[in-house]
N, C-alpha and C. Protein backbone atom coordinates (compact mmCIF):
# COMPACT_ATOMS: atom_id res chain seq x y z
N MET A 1 22.82 46.57 39.72
CA MET A 1 23.83 46.52 40.77
C MET A 1 23.93 47.88 41.45
N ASN A 2 24.42 47.82 42.65
CA ASN A 2 24.62 49.05 43.40
C ASN A 2 25.96 49.66 43.03
N SER A 3 26.39 50.65 43.81
CA SER A 3 27.67 51.27 43.51
C SER A 3 28.80 50.25 43.62
N VAL A 4 29.83 50.48 42.85
CA VAL A 4 30.95 49.56 42.79
C VAL A 4 31.88 49.82 43.98
N PRO A 5 32.19 48.78 44.75
CA PRO A 5 33.11 48.96 45.89
C PRO A 5 34.56 48.96 45.43
N CYS A 6 34.97 50.02 44.78
CA CYS A 6 36.31 50.09 44.19
C CYS A 6 37.41 50.03 45.26
N ASN A 7 37.19 50.69 46.38
CA ASN A 7 38.16 50.69 47.48
C ASN A 7 39.58 51.00 47.02
N GLY A 8 39.72 52.02 46.19
CA GLY A 8 41.04 52.45 45.74
C GLY A 8 41.51 51.79 44.46
N CYS A 9 40.80 50.80 43.96
CA CYS A 9 41.19 50.15 42.71
C CYS A 9 40.97 51.12 41.55
N ALA A 10 41.90 51.14 40.62
CA ALA A 10 41.78 52.01 39.45
C ALA A 10 42.18 51.25 38.18
N LEU A 11 42.02 49.94 38.19
CA LEU A 11 42.42 49.13 37.03
C LEU A 11 41.70 49.58 35.76
N CYS A 12 40.45 49.98 35.88
CA CYS A 12 39.69 50.38 34.70
C CYS A 12 40.16 51.73 34.14
N CYS A 13 41.03 52.41 34.86
CA CYS A 13 41.55 53.71 34.43
C CYS A 13 42.91 53.58 33.73
N ARG A 14 43.32 52.35 33.53
CA ARG A 14 44.63 52.10 32.93
C ARG A 14 44.46 51.42 31.57
N GLY A 15 44.91 52.09 30.52
CA GLY A 15 44.90 51.50 29.19
C GLY A 15 43.53 51.38 28.54
N ASP A 16 42.52 51.99 29.11
CA ASP A 16 41.17 51.87 28.55
C ASP A 16 40.94 52.98 27.53
N ALA A 17 39.97 52.78 26.67
CA ALA A 17 39.60 53.77 25.65
C ALA A 17 38.19 54.26 25.95
N VAL A 18 38.07 55.22 26.84
CA VAL A 18 36.77 55.74 27.24
C VAL A 18 36.27 56.74 26.22
N ARG A 19 35.24 56.31 25.47
CA ARG A 19 34.64 57.18 24.46
C ARG A 19 33.95 58.37 25.10
N VAL A 20 34.13 59.53 24.49
CA VAL A 20 33.42 60.72 24.93
C VAL A 20 32.05 60.69 24.27
N MET A 21 31.02 60.82 25.09
CA MET A 21 29.64 60.68 24.63
C MET A 21 28.93 62.04 24.68
N PRO A 22 27.84 62.18 23.91
CA PRO A 22 27.05 63.41 24.02
C PRO A 22 26.61 63.58 25.48
N GLY A 23 26.70 64.78 25.97
CA GLY A 23 26.32 65.04 27.35
C GLY A 23 27.50 65.01 28.32
N ASP A 24 28.65 64.48 27.88
CA ASP A 24 29.83 64.51 28.74
C ASP A 24 30.34 65.95 28.85
N PRO A 25 31.04 66.26 29.93
CA PRO A 25 31.59 67.62 30.08
C PRO A 25 32.41 68.01 28.85
N LYS A 26 32.22 69.21 28.36
CA LYS A 26 32.91 69.68 27.14
C LYS A 26 34.38 70.00 27.38
N GLU A 27 34.76 70.23 28.62
CA GLU A 27 36.13 70.64 28.91
C GLU A 27 37.10 69.48 29.12
N LEU A 28 36.69 68.26 28.82
CA LEU A 28 37.56 67.10 28.99
C LEU A 28 38.73 67.16 28.00
N PHE A 29 39.89 66.70 28.46
CA PHE A 29 41.06 66.60 27.60
C PHE A 29 40.93 65.29 26.83
N VAL A 30 40.79 65.37 25.50
CA VAL A 30 40.51 64.20 24.69
C VAL A 30 41.55 64.01 23.59
N GLU A 31 41.47 62.83 22.94
CA GLU A 31 42.32 62.52 21.79
C GLU A 31 41.47 61.69 20.83
N PRO A 32 41.89 61.60 19.57
CA PRO A 32 41.11 60.78 18.62
C PRO A 32 41.01 59.34 19.09
N ASN A 33 39.86 58.73 18.87
CA ASN A 33 39.63 57.35 19.26
C ASN A 33 39.98 56.43 18.08
N PRO A 34 41.03 55.61 18.22
CA PRO A 34 41.45 54.76 17.09
C PRO A 34 40.45 53.66 16.76
N HIS A 35 39.56 53.35 17.70
CA HIS A 35 38.57 52.30 17.49
C HIS A 35 37.31 52.80 16.79
N TYR A 36 37.07 54.12 16.89
CA TYR A 36 35.88 54.74 16.30
C TYR A 36 36.31 56.00 15.56
N PRO A 37 36.68 55.87 14.29
CA PRO A 37 37.13 57.04 13.52
C PRO A 37 36.13 58.19 13.58
N GLY A 38 36.65 59.38 13.78
CA GLY A 38 35.81 60.57 13.87
C GLY A 38 35.29 60.85 15.26
N GLU A 39 35.54 59.93 16.20
CA GLU A 39 35.09 60.13 17.58
C GLU A 39 36.32 60.34 18.48
N PHE A 40 36.05 60.74 19.71
CA PHE A 40 37.12 61.02 20.65
C PHE A 40 37.01 60.18 21.90
N MET A 41 38.13 60.08 22.61
CA MET A 41 38.18 59.37 23.88
C MET A 41 38.98 60.21 24.86
N ILE A 42 38.86 59.88 26.14
CA ILE A 42 39.64 60.57 27.15
C ILE A 42 41.12 60.36 26.84
N ALA A 43 41.89 61.40 26.95
CA ALA A 43 43.33 61.33 26.66
C ALA A 43 44.05 60.46 27.69
N HIS A 44 45.21 59.97 27.29
CA HIS A 44 46.03 59.12 28.14
C HIS A 44 47.40 59.74 28.39
N LYS A 45 47.97 59.36 29.50
CA LYS A 45 49.36 59.71 29.79
C LYS A 45 50.24 58.78 28.97
N LYS A 46 51.53 59.06 28.92
CA LYS A 46 52.46 58.22 28.15
C LYS A 46 52.45 56.77 28.59
N ASN A 47 52.17 56.50 29.87
CA ASN A 47 52.17 55.13 30.39
C ASN A 47 50.85 54.40 30.13
N GLY A 48 49.89 55.05 29.49
CA GLY A 48 48.61 54.43 29.18
C GLY A 48 47.51 54.70 30.18
N ASP A 49 47.84 55.31 31.31
CA ASP A 49 46.82 55.66 32.30
C ASP A 49 45.94 56.79 31.79
N CYS A 50 44.72 56.82 32.27
CA CYS A 50 43.82 57.93 31.97
C CYS A 50 44.49 59.24 32.37
N PHE A 51 44.30 60.25 31.55
CA PHE A 51 44.88 61.57 31.83
C PHE A 51 44.46 62.08 33.21
N TYR A 52 43.28 61.69 33.66
CA TYR A 52 42.73 62.19 34.92
C TYR A 52 42.99 61.29 36.12
N LEU A 53 43.78 60.25 35.95
CA LEU A 53 44.10 59.38 37.08
C LEU A 53 45.26 59.97 37.85
N GLY A 54 44.99 60.30 39.11
CA GLY A 54 46.02 60.86 39.99
C GLY A 54 46.50 59.82 40.99
N GLU A 55 47.36 60.22 41.88
CA GLU A 55 47.92 59.29 42.87
C GLU A 55 46.88 58.68 43.78
N THR A 56 45.79 59.40 44.02
CA THR A 56 44.74 58.89 44.92
C THR A 56 43.46 58.54 44.18
N GLY A 57 43.53 58.39 42.87
CA GLY A 57 42.34 58.03 42.09
C GLY A 57 41.97 59.08 41.08
N CYS A 58 40.72 59.07 40.68
CA CYS A 58 40.23 59.98 39.66
C CYS A 58 40.22 61.42 40.15
N THR A 59 40.81 62.30 39.36
CA THR A 59 40.88 63.71 39.76
C THR A 59 39.65 64.50 39.33
N ILE A 60 38.77 63.87 38.54
CA ILE A 60 37.52 64.54 38.12
C ILE A 60 36.32 63.67 38.50
N HIS A 61 36.43 62.94 39.58
CA HIS A 61 35.42 61.97 39.98
C HIS A 61 33.99 62.52 39.94
N SER A 62 33.78 63.71 40.45
CA SER A 62 32.43 64.26 40.50
C SER A 62 31.95 64.78 39.14
N ASN A 63 32.85 64.86 38.16
CA ASN A 63 32.51 65.39 36.84
C ASN A 63 33.00 64.46 35.72
N LYS A 64 33.05 63.17 36.02
CA LYS A 64 33.61 62.22 35.04
C LYS A 64 32.61 61.87 33.95
N PRO A 65 33.12 61.36 32.82
CA PRO A 65 32.25 61.01 31.69
C PRO A 65 31.27 59.88 32.00
N LEU A 66 30.23 59.82 31.20
CA LEU A 66 29.19 58.81 31.36
C LEU A 66 29.76 57.39 31.40
N ARG A 67 30.66 57.07 30.47
CA ARG A 67 31.23 55.71 30.43
C ARG A 67 31.94 55.37 31.74
N CYS A 68 32.58 56.32 32.36
CA CYS A 68 33.24 56.08 33.64
C CYS A 68 32.22 55.89 34.75
N ARG A 69 31.16 56.68 34.74
CA ARG A 69 30.13 56.54 35.77
C ARG A 69 29.42 55.20 35.66
N GLU A 70 29.31 54.66 34.45
CA GLU A 70 28.62 53.39 34.25
C GLU A 70 29.52 52.18 34.46
N MET A 71 30.83 52.37 34.53
CA MET A 71 31.77 51.26 34.61
C MET A 71 31.56 50.44 35.88
N ASP A 72 31.48 49.13 35.70
CA ASP A 72 31.36 48.20 36.81
C ASP A 72 32.11 46.94 36.41
N CYS A 73 33.23 46.69 37.02
CA CYS A 73 34.06 45.55 36.63
C CYS A 73 33.33 44.23 36.84
N ARG A 74 32.30 44.22 37.65
CA ARG A 74 31.52 42.99 37.83
C ARG A 74 30.78 42.63 36.55
N ASN A 75 30.47 43.62 35.72
CA ASN A 75 29.86 43.33 34.42
C ASN A 75 30.89 42.73 33.47
N ILE A 76 32.11 43.21 33.53
CA ILE A 76 33.20 42.65 32.71
C ILE A 76 33.44 41.20 33.13
N ALA A 77 33.31 40.92 34.42
CA ALA A 77 33.56 39.57 34.95
C ALA A 77 32.56 38.55 34.43
N ARG A 78 31.47 38.99 33.88
CA ARG A 78 30.49 38.06 33.34
C ARG A 78 30.88 37.55 31.95
N LEU A 79 31.90 38.16 31.36
CA LEU A 79 32.44 37.67 30.09
C LEU A 79 33.24 36.40 30.35
N SER A 80 33.49 35.66 29.32
CA SER A 80 34.40 34.52 29.47
C SER A 80 35.82 35.05 29.59
N GLN A 81 36.70 34.24 30.13
CA GLN A 81 38.10 34.67 30.23
C GLN A 81 38.67 34.91 28.84
N LYS A 82 38.28 34.10 27.88
CA LYS A 82 38.76 34.25 26.51
C LYS A 82 38.33 35.60 25.94
N ALA A 83 37.10 35.99 26.19
CA ALA A 83 36.61 37.29 25.72
C ALA A 83 37.36 38.43 26.40
N ALA A 84 37.64 38.28 27.70
CA ALA A 84 38.40 39.30 28.43
C ALA A 84 39.81 39.43 27.87
N GLU A 85 40.39 38.30 27.51
CA GLU A 85 41.74 38.32 26.92
C GLU A 85 41.71 39.03 25.57
N LYS A 86 40.71 38.74 24.76
CA LYS A 86 40.59 39.36 23.44
C LYS A 86 40.43 40.87 23.55
N LEU A 87 39.67 41.31 24.56
CA LEU A 87 39.45 42.74 24.78
C LEU A 87 40.57 43.41 25.57
N ASN A 88 41.54 42.61 26.01
CA ASN A 88 42.68 43.11 26.79
C ASN A 88 42.24 43.75 28.11
N VAL A 89 41.29 43.07 28.79
CA VAL A 89 40.78 43.57 30.07
C VAL A 89 40.85 42.48 31.15
N VAL A 90 41.85 41.63 31.08
CA VAL A 90 41.94 40.50 32.00
C VAL A 90 42.05 40.94 33.45
N GLU A 91 42.84 41.96 33.73
CA GLU A 91 43.00 42.40 35.12
C GLU A 91 41.69 42.97 35.67
N VAL A 92 40.97 43.72 34.87
CA VAL A 92 39.67 44.25 35.28
C VAL A 92 38.69 43.09 35.47
N TRP A 93 38.73 42.11 34.58
CA TRP A 93 37.89 40.91 34.67
C TRP A 93 38.16 40.17 35.98
N LYS A 94 39.44 40.00 36.32
CA LYS A 94 39.80 39.32 37.57
C LYS A 94 39.27 40.08 38.78
N ARG A 95 39.40 41.41 38.76
CA ARG A 95 38.91 42.24 39.87
C ARG A 95 37.40 42.10 40.01
N GLY A 96 36.69 42.10 38.91
CA GLY A 96 35.24 41.94 38.95
C GLY A 96 34.85 40.59 39.52
N ARG A 97 35.55 39.54 39.13
CA ARG A 97 35.26 38.20 39.65
C ARG A 97 35.53 38.14 41.16
N GLU A 98 36.57 38.82 41.58
CA GLU A 98 36.90 38.88 43.01
C GLU A 98 35.77 39.57 43.79
N LEU A 99 35.27 40.67 43.26
CA LEU A 99 34.18 41.38 43.94
C LEU A 99 32.92 40.53 43.99
N ILE A 100 32.62 39.85 42.91
CA ILE A 100 31.44 38.97 42.90
C ILE A 100 31.59 37.87 43.93
N ALA A 101 32.76 37.26 43.99
CA ALA A 101 33.00 36.17 44.95
C ALA A 101 32.87 36.68 46.39
N ASN A 102 33.36 37.89 46.64
CA ASN A 102 33.30 38.45 48.00
C ASN A 102 31.87 38.78 48.43
N THR A 103 31.01 39.10 47.49
CA THR A 103 29.62 39.43 47.86
C THR A 103 28.81 38.17 48.12
N ARG A 104 29.29 37.03 47.67
CA ARG A 104 28.59 35.76 47.90
C ARG A 104 28.95 35.13 49.24
N LYS A 105 29.97 35.64 49.88
CA LYS A 105 30.42 35.06 51.17
C LYS A 105 29.50 35.46 52.29
């Protein structure tokens, strides 16, 4: 797929657990990852948003982690709705399905 037409959408930046991977910028603000003991994820604000999500989107867009650069909600949309519910990504799933439907028009 080509670049994701986010158009201001930041659903994937809310409540997600973005694992910090080898090769990611070392200066990222991180916290322990509860899903992968001994590993770290991008820190969150008290409301669950990514620490780097600002009023107009990602504040480190040009230097964001690998997992963020690879994120494409259209891939999430290929899951079943039940799987999206289990992973707690229903809103991202819906957005991906919307983008897929719009590209078919």
